[in-house]
């Protein structure tokens, strides 16, 4: 396992439930059993805060940790575009991420293809919460 994955996962500042959340979602990976719960505060179509709780592997934890830090102050349509692009990074070598989301390239790499569902679970849970 890549030590960078462990380092990213160790940032747990947003491992919390937001009491004042405007959006909420739970999701489960049927393949491995990872569970994810996300709460968001959205105002004027901008994500102001994100909290998460999970029972999951370190790959999923790294993904949600990074997402929780990067998603703040982003417009909902930016988040949606990122998630669509992230899904493609495992398939298309030429796929790229917007500059704001480049940190995810360490995770969303073909070397982690076997953990794709774990890495994408937090993103899919955010989409479910936003219902987009």
N, C-alpha and C. Protein backbone atom coordinates (compact mmCIF):
# COMPACT_ATOMS: atom_id res chain seq x y z
N UNK A 1 0.84 -1.18 0.00
CA UNK A 1 0.00 0.00 0.00
C UNK A 1 0.89 1.25 0.00
N UNK A 2 0.44 2.21 -0.72
CA UNK A 2 1.15 3.48 -0.84
C UNK A 2 1.03 4.28 0.47
N UNK A 3 2.16 4.74 0.99
CA UNK A 3 2.13 5.54 2.22
C UNK A 3 1.38 6.85 2.04
N UNK A 4 1.34 7.36 0.82
CA UNK A 4 0.61 8.60 0.54
C UNK A 4 -0.88 8.42 0.83
N UNK A 5 -1.41 7.25 0.55
CA UNK A 5 -2.82 6.95 0.84
C UNK A 5 -3.07 7.05 2.35
N UNK A 6 -2.17 6.46 3.13
CA UNK A 6 -2.30 6.53 4.59
C UNK A 6 -2.22 7.96 5.10
N UNK A 7 -1.31 8.73 4.51
CA UNK A 7 -1.14 10.13 4.93
C UNK A 7 -2.41 10.93 4.63
N UNK A 8 -2.99 10.75 3.46
CA UNK A 8 -4.22 11.47 3.09
C UNK A 8 -5.35 11.06 4.02
N UNK A 9 -5.47 9.78 4.31
CA UNK A 9 -6.55 9.27 5.17
C UNK A 9 -6.42 9.76 6.61
N UNK A 10 -5.21 10.10 7.02
CA UNK A 10 -4.99 10.51 8.41
C UNK A 10 -5.56 11.89 8.73
N UNK A 11 -5.93 12.67 7.74
CA UNK A 11 -6.55 13.98 7.97
C UNK A 11 -8.04 13.78 8.25
N UNK A 12 -8.39 13.79 9.51
CA UNK A 12 -9.77 13.46 9.90
C UNK A 12 -10.53 14.64 10.50
N UNK A 13 -10.12 15.85 10.19
CA UNK A 13 -10.78 17.03 10.75
C UNK A 13 -12.28 17.08 10.44
N UNK A 14 -12.68 16.56 9.30
CA UNK A 14 -14.08 16.63 8.89
C UNK A 14 -14.85 15.34 9.17
N UNK A 15 -14.25 14.45 9.97
CA UNK A 15 -14.93 13.23 10.38
C UNK A 15 -15.89 13.62 11.50
N UNK A 16 -17.08 14.04 11.09
CA UNK A 16 -18.07 14.59 12.03
C UNK A 16 -19.43 14.57 11.35
N UNK A 17 -20.47 14.74 12.13
CA UNK A 17 -21.82 14.92 11.61
C UNK A 17 -22.17 16.39 11.81
N UNK A 18 -22.57 17.04 10.74
CA UNK A 18 -22.96 18.45 10.83
C UNK A 18 -24.41 18.53 11.33
N UNK A 19 -24.60 19.13 12.48
CA UNK A 19 -25.94 19.24 13.06
C UNK A 19 -26.84 20.15 12.24
N UNK A 20 -26.26 21.13 11.56
CA UNK A 20 -27.03 22.12 10.79
C UNK A 20 -27.03 21.79 9.29
N UNK A 21 -26.90 20.51 8.95
CA UNK A 21 -26.77 20.13 7.55
C UNK A 21 -28.05 20.42 6.76
N UNK A 22 -27.85 20.73 5.48
CA UNK A 22 -28.96 20.94 4.56
C UNK A 22 -29.15 19.72 3.65
N UNK A 23 -28.12 18.89 3.56
CA UNK A 23 -28.16 17.70 2.72
C UNK A 23 -27.51 16.54 3.47
N UNK A 24 -28.05 15.34 3.24
CA UNK A 24 -27.57 14.17 3.96
C UNK A 24 -27.72 12.93 3.07
N UNK A 25 -26.78 12.02 3.18
CA UNK A 25 -26.89 10.78 2.43
C UNK A 25 -26.08 9.67 3.09
N UNK A 26 -26.58 8.45 2.94
CA UNK A 26 -25.85 7.24 3.34
C UNK A 26 -25.72 6.38 2.10
N UNK A 27 -24.61 5.67 2.03
CA UNK A 27 -24.38 4.81 0.88
C UNK A 27 -23.52 3.63 1.32
N UNK A 28 -23.64 2.53 0.61
CA UNK A 28 -22.87 1.33 0.93
C UNK A 28 -22.33 0.72 -0.34
N UNK A 29 -21.10 0.28 -0.28
CA UNK A 29 -20.47 -0.41 -1.40
C UNK A 29 -20.87 -1.89 -1.29
N UNK A 30 -21.68 -2.39 -2.22
CA UNK A 30 -22.14 -3.78 -2.11
C UNK A 30 -21.02 -4.80 -2.34
N UNK A 31 -19.94 -4.37 -2.94
CA UNK A 31 -18.84 -5.29 -3.23
C UNK A 31 -18.05 -5.64 -1.96
N UNK A 32 -17.72 -4.60 -1.18
CA UNK A 32 -16.85 -4.86 -0.02
C UNK A 32 -17.50 -4.54 1.33
N UNK A 33 -18.64 -3.84 1.31
CA UNK A 33 -19.33 -3.53 2.56
C UNK A 33 -18.97 -2.18 3.17
N UNK A 34 -18.09 -1.40 2.52
CA UNK A 34 -17.79 -0.06 3.03
C UNK A 34 -19.09 0.73 3.18
N UNK A 35 -19.20 1.49 4.28
CA UNK A 35 -20.37 2.32 4.52
C UNK A 35 -19.95 3.77 4.68
N UNK A 36 -20.74 4.67 4.11
CA UNK A 36 -20.41 6.10 4.11
C UNK A 36 -21.65 6.91 4.46
N UNK A 37 -21.48 7.89 5.33
CA UNK A 37 -22.55 8.84 5.63
C UNK A 37 -21.96 10.23 5.49
N UNK A 38 -22.65 11.06 4.72
CA UNK A 38 -22.15 12.41 4.45
C UNK A 38 -23.23 13.42 4.79
N UNK A 39 -22.83 14.50 5.45
CA UNK A 39 -23.70 15.64 5.70
C UNK A 39 -23.05 16.87 5.08
N UNK A 40 -23.89 17.70 4.47
CA UNK A 40 -23.40 18.90 3.79
C UNK A 40 -24.19 20.11 4.23
N UNK A 41 -23.53 21.25 4.22
CA UNK A 41 -24.20 22.54 4.36
C UNK A 41 -24.01 23.25 3.02
N UNK A 42 -25.12 23.48 2.34
CA UNK A 42 -25.10 24.15 1.04
C UNK A 42 -25.91 25.43 1.16
N UNK A 43 -25.32 26.52 0.69
CA UNK A 43 -26.02 27.81 0.69
C UNK A 43 -25.73 28.50 -0.63
N UNK A 44 -26.79 28.95 -1.28
CA UNK A 44 -26.67 29.63 -2.58
C UNK A 44 -25.91 28.79 -3.59
N UNK A 45 -26.20 27.49 -3.63
CA UNK A 45 -25.58 26.52 -4.55
C UNK A 45 -24.07 26.37 -4.35
N UNK A 46 -23.59 26.69 -3.16
CA UNK A 46 -22.17 26.52 -2.82
C UNK A 46 -22.07 25.65 -1.58
N UNK A 47 -21.18 24.65 -1.64
CA UNK A 47 -20.95 23.78 -0.49
C UNK A 47 -20.11 24.55 0.52
N UNK A 48 -20.69 24.80 1.67
CA UNK A 48 -20.00 25.56 2.72
C UNK A 48 -19.25 24.65 3.69
N UNK A 49 -19.78 23.44 3.91
CA UNK A 49 -19.12 22.53 4.85
C UNK A 49 -19.53 21.10 4.53
N UNK A 50 -18.68 20.17 4.93
CA UNK A 50 -18.96 18.76 4.75
C UNK A 50 -18.45 17.98 5.96
N UNK A 51 -19.28 17.08 6.41
CA UNK A 51 -18.89 16.16 7.46
C UNK A 51 -19.11 14.74 6.97
N UNK A 52 -18.35 13.81 7.51
CA UNK A 52 -18.51 12.43 7.09
C UNK A 52 -18.26 11.49 8.25
N UNK A 53 -18.85 10.32 8.13
CA UNK A 53 -18.56 9.21 9.01
C UNK A 53 -18.54 7.97 8.14
N UNK A 54 -17.61 7.08 8.42
CA UNK A 54 -17.52 5.89 7.58
C UNK A 54 -17.01 4.69 8.35
N UNK A 55 -17.42 3.55 7.88
CA UNK A 55 -16.88 2.26 8.29
C UNK A 55 -16.33 1.68 7.00
N UNK A 56 -15.04 1.90 6.78
CA UNK A 56 -14.52 1.58 5.46
C UNK A 56 -13.02 1.35 5.49
N UNK A 57 -12.53 0.94 4.34
CA UNK A 57 -11.09 0.70 4.17
C UNK A 57 -10.35 2.03 4.06
N UNK A 58 -9.04 1.96 4.10
CA UNK A 58 -8.21 3.16 4.08
C UNK A 58 -8.33 3.90 2.74
N UNK A 59 -8.62 3.20 1.65
CA UNK A 59 -8.77 3.86 0.36
C UNK A 59 -10.00 4.76 0.36
N UNK A 60 -11.08 4.26 0.89
CA UNK A 60 -12.31 5.04 1.00
C UNK A 60 -12.10 6.21 1.97
N UNK A 61 -11.41 5.96 3.06
CA UNK A 61 -11.13 7.01 4.04
C UNK A 61 -10.27 8.11 3.43
N UNK A 62 -9.29 7.74 2.63
CA UNK A 62 -8.44 8.75 1.98
C UNK A 62 -9.27 9.58 1.01
N UNK A 63 -10.10 8.94 0.25
CA UNK A 63 -10.93 9.64 -0.72
C UNK A 63 -11.88 10.62 -0.05
N UNK A 64 -12.57 10.18 1.00
CA UNK A 64 -13.53 11.06 1.67
C UNK A 64 -12.82 12.18 2.44
N UNK A 65 -11.65 11.88 2.98
CA UNK A 65 -10.89 12.92 3.68
C UNK A 65 -10.49 14.03 2.72
N UNK A 66 -9.94 13.66 1.58
CA UNK A 66 -9.53 14.65 0.59
C UNK A 66 -10.75 15.39 0.04
N UNK A 67 -11.80 14.67 -0.25
CA UNK A 67 -13.02 15.30 -0.76
C UNK A 67 -13.57 16.32 0.23
N UNK A 68 -13.58 15.97 1.51
CA UNK A 68 -14.14 16.87 2.52
C UNK A 68 -13.36 18.18 2.63
N UNK A 69 -12.08 18.14 2.28
CA UNK A 69 -11.27 19.35 2.32
C UNK A 69 -11.39 20.15 1.03
N UNK A 70 -11.53 19.47 -0.09
CA UNK A 70 -11.53 20.14 -1.39
C UNK A 70 -12.90 20.68 -1.82
N UNK A 71 -13.96 20.11 -1.27
CA UNK A 71 -15.31 20.44 -1.72
C UNK A 71 -15.81 21.80 -1.19
N UNK A 72 -15.22 22.25 -0.10
CA UNK A 72 -15.70 23.48 0.54
C UNK A 72 -15.50 24.68 -0.37
N UNK A 73 -16.55 25.52 -0.41
CA UNK A 73 -16.59 26.74 -1.21
C UNK A 73 -16.63 26.48 -2.71
N UNK A 74 -17.04 25.28 -3.10
CA UNK A 74 -17.20 24.95 -4.52
C UNK A 74 -18.69 24.99 -4.88
N UNK A 75 -18.98 25.44 -6.08
CA UNK A 75 -20.35 25.44 -6.58
C UNK A 75 -20.77 24.01 -6.86
N UNK A 76 -22.05 23.75 -6.70
CA UNK A 76 -22.58 22.40 -6.91
C UNK A 76 -22.25 21.90 -8.32
N UNK A 77 -22.35 22.76 -9.33
CA UNK A 77 -22.05 22.29 -10.69
C UNK A 77 -20.57 21.95 -10.86
N UNK A 78 -19.67 22.61 -10.11
CA UNK A 78 -18.24 22.25 -10.14
C UNK A 78 -18.03 20.86 -9.53
N UNK A 79 -18.74 20.60 -8.44
CA UNK A 79 -18.63 19.31 -7.77
C UNK A 79 -19.13 18.20 -8.69
N UNK A 80 -20.27 18.44 -9.33
CA UNK A 80 -20.82 17.45 -10.26
C UNK A 80 -19.86 17.18 -11.41
N UNK A 81 -19.29 18.22 -11.99
CA UNK A 81 -18.35 18.05 -13.11
C UNK A 81 -17.12 17.26 -12.66
N UNK A 82 -16.63 17.55 -11.46
CA UNK A 82 -15.48 16.81 -10.93
C UNK A 82 -15.80 15.33 -10.79
N UNK A 83 -16.95 15.01 -10.23
CA UNK A 83 -17.31 13.62 -10.00
C UNK A 83 -17.45 12.87 -11.32
N UNK A 84 -18.03 13.51 -12.31
CA UNK A 84 -18.13 12.89 -13.64
C UNK A 84 -16.73 12.62 -14.21
N UNK A 85 -15.83 13.58 -14.05
CA UNK A 85 -14.45 13.41 -14.54
C UNK A 85 -13.72 12.32 -13.75
N UNK A 86 -13.95 12.27 -12.45
CA UNK A 86 -13.28 11.28 -11.61
C UNK A 86 -13.66 9.87 -12.02
N UNK A 87 -14.91 9.66 -12.36
CA UNK A 87 -15.35 8.34 -12.81
C UNK A 87 -14.57 7.91 -14.06
N UNK A 88 -14.23 8.87 -14.91
CA UNK A 88 -13.55 8.58 -16.17
C UNK A 88 -12.05 8.32 -16.00
N UNK A 89 -11.46 8.80 -14.92
CA UNK A 89 -9.99 8.68 -14.78
C UNK A 89 -9.50 7.24 -14.75
N UNK A 90 -10.34 6.33 -14.31
CA UNK A 90 -9.95 4.92 -14.28
C UNK A 90 -10.06 4.26 -15.65
N UNK A 91 -10.83 4.87 -16.54
CA UNK A 91 -11.11 4.28 -17.84
C UNK A 91 -10.22 4.88 -18.93
N UNK A 92 -10.14 6.20 -18.94
CA UNK A 92 -9.49 6.91 -20.03
C UNK A 92 -8.19 7.54 -19.57
N UNK A 93 -7.09 7.11 -20.13
CA UNK A 93 -5.78 7.65 -19.76
C UNK A 93 -5.71 9.15 -20.05
N UNK A 94 -6.42 9.59 -21.07
CA UNK A 94 -6.38 11.00 -21.47
C UNK A 94 -7.29 11.88 -20.61
N UNK A 95 -8.10 11.26 -19.78
CA UNK A 95 -8.99 12.02 -18.90
C UNK A 95 -8.17 12.84 -17.92
N UNK A 96 -8.64 14.04 -17.67
CA UNK A 96 -7.90 14.89 -16.73
C UNK A 96 -8.89 15.54 -15.77
N UNK A 97 -8.34 16.03 -14.69
CA UNK A 97 -9.16 16.71 -13.69
C UNK A 97 -8.84 18.19 -13.72
N UNK A 98 -9.85 18.99 -13.43
CA UNK A 98 -9.68 20.43 -13.32
C UNK A 98 -8.59 20.73 -12.29
N UNK A 99 -7.90 21.82 -12.44
CA UNK A 99 -6.79 22.20 -11.56
C UNK A 99 -7.18 22.15 -10.07
N UNK A 100 -8.41 22.52 -9.74
CA UNK A 100 -8.86 22.52 -8.34
C UNK A 100 -8.90 21.13 -7.71
N UNK A 101 -8.92 20.09 -8.54
CA UNK A 101 -9.10 18.73 -8.06
C UNK A 101 -7.89 17.85 -8.33
N UNK A 102 -6.77 18.40 -8.74
CA UNK A 102 -5.58 17.63 -9.14
C UNK A 102 -5.06 16.71 -8.03
N UNK A 103 -5.28 17.08 -6.78
CA UNK A 103 -4.79 16.25 -5.67
C UNK A 103 -5.36 14.82 -5.72
N UNK A 104 -6.50 14.66 -6.36
CA UNK A 104 -7.12 13.34 -6.45
C UNK A 104 -6.40 12.40 -7.40
N UNK A 105 -5.53 12.92 -8.24
CA UNK A 105 -4.84 12.06 -9.20
C UNK A 105 -3.97 11.02 -8.51
N UNK A 106 -3.50 11.31 -7.32
CA UNK A 106 -2.73 10.34 -6.54
C UNK A 106 -3.59 9.11 -6.20
N UNK A 107 -4.88 9.35 -5.98
CA UNK A 107 -5.80 8.27 -5.63
C UNK A 107 -6.41 7.61 -6.86
N UNK A 108 -6.90 8.44 -7.78
CA UNK A 108 -7.63 7.95 -8.95
C UNK A 108 -6.65 7.63 -10.07
N UNK A 109 -5.91 6.59 -9.86
CA UNK A 109 -4.86 6.17 -10.76
C UNK A 109 -5.10 4.70 -11.11
N UNK A 110 -4.68 4.32 -12.28
CA UNK A 110 -4.88 2.93 -12.70
C UNK A 110 -4.25 1.91 -11.75
N UNK A 111 -3.22 2.32 -11.00
CA UNK A 111 -2.61 1.39 -10.04
C UNK A 111 -3.58 1.02 -8.92
N UNK A 112 -4.61 1.85 -8.72
CA UNK A 112 -5.62 1.60 -7.69
C UNK A 112 -6.94 1.11 -8.28
N UNK A 113 -6.91 0.60 -9.50
CA UNK A 113 -8.13 0.19 -10.19
C UNK A 113 -8.92 -0.86 -9.39
N UNK A 114 -8.23 -1.71 -8.68
CA UNK A 114 -8.93 -2.74 -7.90
C UNK A 114 -9.70 -2.12 -6.72
N UNK A 115 -9.39 -0.89 -6.37
CA UNK A 115 -10.08 -0.20 -5.28
C UNK A 115 -10.99 0.92 -5.78
N UNK A 116 -11.29 0.89 -7.07
CA UNK A 116 -12.09 1.94 -7.71
C UNK A 116 -13.39 2.20 -6.97
N UNK A 117 -14.14 1.15 -6.65
CA UNK A 117 -15.43 1.33 -5.99
C UNK A 117 -15.28 1.96 -4.60
N UNK A 118 -14.21 1.61 -3.91
CA UNK A 118 -13.93 2.19 -2.59
C UNK A 118 -13.62 3.68 -2.73
N UNK A 119 -12.81 4.01 -3.71
CA UNK A 119 -12.39 5.39 -3.92
C UNK A 119 -13.54 6.28 -4.39
N UNK A 120 -14.46 5.72 -5.15
CA UNK A 120 -15.57 6.51 -5.69
C UNK A 120 -16.79 6.57 -4.77
N UNK A 121 -16.85 5.72 -3.76
CA UNK A 121 -18.01 5.71 -2.86
C UNK A 121 -18.30 7.08 -2.24
N UNK A 122 -17.31 7.81 -1.71
CA UNK A 122 -17.62 9.12 -1.15
C UNK A 122 -18.19 10.10 -2.19
N UNK A 123 -17.68 10.06 -3.41
CA UNK A 123 -18.16 10.95 -4.46
C UNK A 123 -19.60 10.63 -4.82
N UNK A 124 -19.88 9.35 -4.93
CA UNK A 124 -21.25 8.93 -5.26
C UNK A 124 -22.22 9.26 -4.12
N UNK A 125 -21.73 9.22 -2.90
CA UNK A 125 -22.57 9.57 -1.75
C UNK A 125 -22.89 11.06 -1.74
N UNK A 126 -21.92 11.88 -2.12
CA UNK A 126 -22.15 13.32 -2.25
C UNK A 126 -23.20 13.59 -3.33
N UNK A 127 -23.06 12.92 -4.48
CA UNK A 127 -24.06 13.09 -5.55
C UNK A 127 -25.46 12.71 -5.07
N UNK A 128 -25.53 11.63 -4.33
CA UNK A 128 -26.81 11.18 -3.78
C UNK A 128 -27.38 12.24 -2.82
N UNK A 129 -26.53 12.82 -2.00
CA UNK A 129 -26.97 13.84 -1.05
C UNK A 129 -27.49 15.08 -1.79
N UNK A 130 -26.79 15.45 -2.85
CA UNK A 130 -27.18 16.63 -3.62
C UNK A 130 -28.30 16.33 -4.61
N UNK A 131 -28.57 15.04 -4.81
CA UNK A 131 -29.62 14.58 -5.73
C UNK A 131 -29.42 15.16 -7.13
N UNK A 132 -28.16 15.05 -7.61
CA UNK A 132 -27.85 15.54 -8.96
C UNK A 132 -27.25 14.43 -9.79
